[in-house]
Amino acid sequence: MHRTTLRRAGLAIAATGTAAVLAAAPAMAHHCFVPMYSLDGAPSSANWFVMSAADGAMFEAGYEPACDAAVDAGYDALRAAGLPVGIKIFEKMTIGDPKHTGRMNPNGANGKGLEYFGAGSELPFQMVETFIEGAESADCAG
C-alpha cells in the first residue's frame, strides 16, 4: 500500500513537472516534436535534439530506474501501450509553424507524426508516466 502511494505521488510530481515544461513550451522557439518509436535510428544531425523516455523521466521527475531490468520494463511498457520511446525536436526552426505559414501543419497534433506542445499533445506526459510505471513494476532485488 505504501509503495502504491509513493508511486502515485511520484507520477503526480512527474506530471506536474511535465506540465510546467509544456506550459512554457509555446514560448520557446521550438514547440513541435516528432515521436520516436525506436531509439535505434536516432537522428545523427546536429539539428535534432533527442529526448528518450529515460532521459525525460530524469529531466521531468528526477526519476532514475533502480536497475537495468527497470529500464527494460519501462521501455517494454511503452511499446505495449503503443507509445513513443522518445521524442525528437528539430532545433534549427519550428516545422509547420502556424506563425510563419498562417496555419498548423494539417498532419500535426494527430498522435502519429509531427506534434505540437501548444496543441495539447499528451504524448510527452504519457511517455514519461508510462515509462516510470513500467520501471517501478520491475523486480530489482533479484
Protein backbone atom coordinates (compact mmCIF):
# COMPACT_ATOMS: atom_id res chain seq x y z
CA MET A 1 0.00 0.00 0.00
CA HIS A 2 2.77 2.43 0.94
CA ARG A 3 4.64 1.70 -2.33
CA THR A 4 1.47 2.42 -4.35
CA THR A 5 1.02 5.75 -2.58
CA LEU A 6 4.65 6.67 -3.28
CA ARG A 7 4.29 5.64 -6.92
CA ARG A 8 1.16 7.77 -7.32
CA ALA A 9 2.90 10.71 -5.67
CA GLY A 10 5.86 10.23 -7.98
CA LEU A 11 3.61 10.18 -11.03
CA ALA A 12 1.84 13.31 -9.85
CA ILE A 13 5.20 15.03 -9.49
CA ALA A 14 6.24 13.80 -12.95
CA ALA A 15 3.01 15.08 -14.48
CA THR A 16 3.38 18.43 -12.72
CA GLY A 17 6.97 18.80 -13.92
CA THR A 18 6.00 17.87 -17.45
CA ALA A 19 3.08 20.31 -17.32
CA ALA A 20 5.41 23.10 -16.24
CA VAL A 21 7.74 22.45 -19.16
CA LEU A 22 4.87 22.09 -21.59
CA ALA A 23 3.24 25.27 -20.33
CA ALA A 24 6.46 27.11 -21.08
CA ALA A 25 6.96 25.30 -24.39
CA PRO A 26 4.77 27.59 -26.54
CA ALA A 27 7.04 30.47 -25.59
CA MET A 28 10.07 28.55 -26.80
CA ALA A 29 11.12 28.80 -30.42
CA HIS A 30 10.90 25.05 -30.95
CA HIS A 31 7.46 23.97 -29.88
CA CYS A 32 6.97 20.89 -32.02
CA PHE A 33 8.35 17.38 -31.85
CA VAL A 34 8.24 14.04 -33.61
CA PRO A 35 7.51 10.90 -31.56
CA MET A 36 10.12 8.15 -31.87
CA TYR A 37 9.10 4.52 -31.64
CA SER A 38 12.69 3.28 -31.77
CA LEU A 39 15.88 4.82 -30.47
CA ASP A 40 17.98 2.79 -32.92
CA GLY A 41 17.66 5.31 -35.75
CA ALA A 42 18.11 8.46 -33.69
CA PRO A 43 19.00 11.38 -35.96
CA SER A 44 22.69 11.98 -36.29
CA SER A 45 22.26 15.56 -37.45
CA ALA A 46 23.18 18.33 -35.05
CA ASN A 47 19.83 19.94 -35.95
CA TRP A 48 17.89 17.36 -33.93
CA PHE A 49 17.65 17.09 -30.14
CA VAL A 50 16.55 13.63 -28.95
CA MET A 51 14.95 13.03 -25.54
CA SER A 52 14.50 9.34 -24.67
CA ALA A 53 11.81 8.27 -22.20
CA ALA A 54 14.52 7.51 -19.61
CA ASP A 55 16.03 10.97 -20.15
CA GLY A 56 12.55 12.52 -19.92
CA ALA A 57 11.85 10.72 -16.64
CA MET A 58 15.11 12.04 -15.21
CA PHE A 59 14.65 15.56 -16.59
CA GLU A 60 10.98 15.93 -15.70
CA ALA A 61 10.66 13.93 -12.49
CA GLY A 62 14.20 13.35 -11.27
CA TYR A 63 13.45 9.64 -11.68
CA GLU A 64 16.23 7.10 -12.20
CA PRO A 65 15.35 3.43 -12.67
CA ALA A 66 16.82 1.26 -9.91
CA CYS A 67 18.38 -1.30 -12.27
CA ASP A 68 18.74 -2.32 -15.92
CA ALA A 69 15.66 -4.55 -15.61
CA ALA A 70 13.67 -1.47 -14.60
CA VAL A 71 14.85 0.41 -17.70
CA ASP A 72 13.84 -2.55 -19.87
CA ALA A 73 10.45 -2.76 -18.11
CA GLY A 74 9.86 0.95 -18.69
CA TYR A 75 10.52 0.64 -22.42
CA ASP A 76 8.50 -2.61 -22.60
CA ALA A 77 5.54 -0.78 -21.02
CA LEU A 78 5.80 1.98 -23.64
CA ARG A 79 5.90 -0.50 -26.53
CA ALA A 80 2.96 -2.47 -25.08
CA ALA A 81 0.94 0.75 -24.86
CA GLY A 82 1.92 1.80 -28.39
CA LEU A 83 3.61 4.94 -27.07
CA PRO A 84 6.86 6.52 -28.25
CA VAL A 85 10.14 5.63 -26.55
CA GLY A 86 11.46 9.14 -27.15
CA ILE A 87 10.81 12.42 -28.92
CA LYS A 88 12.98 14.43 -31.28
CA ILE A 89 12.90 18.18 -31.65
CA PHE A 90 14.24 19.98 -34.71
CA GLU A 91 16.44 22.71 -33.23
CA LYS A 92 17.10 24.83 -36.31
CA MET A 93 13.49 26.02 -36.72
CA THR A 94 9.93 25.05 -35.92
CA ILE A 95 8.44 22.74 -38.54
CA GLY A 96 4.99 23.76 -39.78
CA ASP A 97 4.91 26.80 -37.52
CA PRO A 98 1.47 28.46 -37.76
CA LYS A 99 3.06 31.88 -37.05
CA HIS A 100 5.04 31.65 -40.28
CA THR A 101 2.61 29.78 -42.53
CA GLY A 102 -0.69 31.08 -41.17
CA ARG A 103 -1.87 27.54 -40.43
CA MET A 104 -0.80 24.49 -38.47
CA ASN A 105 0.54 21.53 -40.40
CA PRO A 106 -2.60 19.52 -41.33
CA ASN A 107 -0.93 16.31 -40.16
CA GLY A 108 0.24 17.86 -36.90
CA ALA A 109 -1.02 17.03 -33.42
CA ASN A 110 -2.70 13.81 -34.50
CA GLY A 111 -0.70 11.43 -32.32
CA LYS A 112 1.07 9.90 -35.31
CA GLY A 113 3.59 12.38 -36.66
CA LEU A 114 4.50 15.98 -36.04
CA GLU A 115 3.17 17.04 -32.63
CA TYR A 116 2.82 20.49 -31.08
CA PHE A 117 3.34 21.11 -27.37
CA GLY A 118 0.89 24.01 -27.51
CA ALA A 119 -1.85 21.98 -29.27
CA GLY A 120 -2.47 19.80 -26.25
CA SER A 121 -0.43 16.76 -27.25
CA GLU A 122 -0.46 14.31 -24.36
CA LEU A 123 2.32 12.09 -25.74
CA PRO A 124 5.14 13.54 -23.59
CA PHE A 125 3.01 13.14 -20.43
CA GLN A 126 2.00 9.62 -21.35
CA MET A 127 5.53 8.63 -22.33
CA VAL A 128 7.11 9.74 -19.05
CA GLU A 129 4.30 8.40 -16.85
CA THR A 130 4.17 5.03 -18.60
CA PHE A 131 7.96 4.65 -18.52
CA ILE A 132 8.05 5.34 -14.77
CA GLU A 133 5.13 3.00 -14.07
CA GLY A 134 6.75 0.22 -16.07
CA ALA A 135 10.14 0.75 -14.46
CA GLU A 136 8.60 0.75 -10.98
CA SER A 137 6.98 -2.63 -11.69
CA ALA A 138 10.36 -4.33 -12.20
CA ASP A 139 11.93 -6.51 -9.52
CA CYS A 140 15.41 -5.13 -8.96
CA ALA A 141 16.06 -7.18 -5.83
CA GLY A 142 16.98 -10.39 -7.63
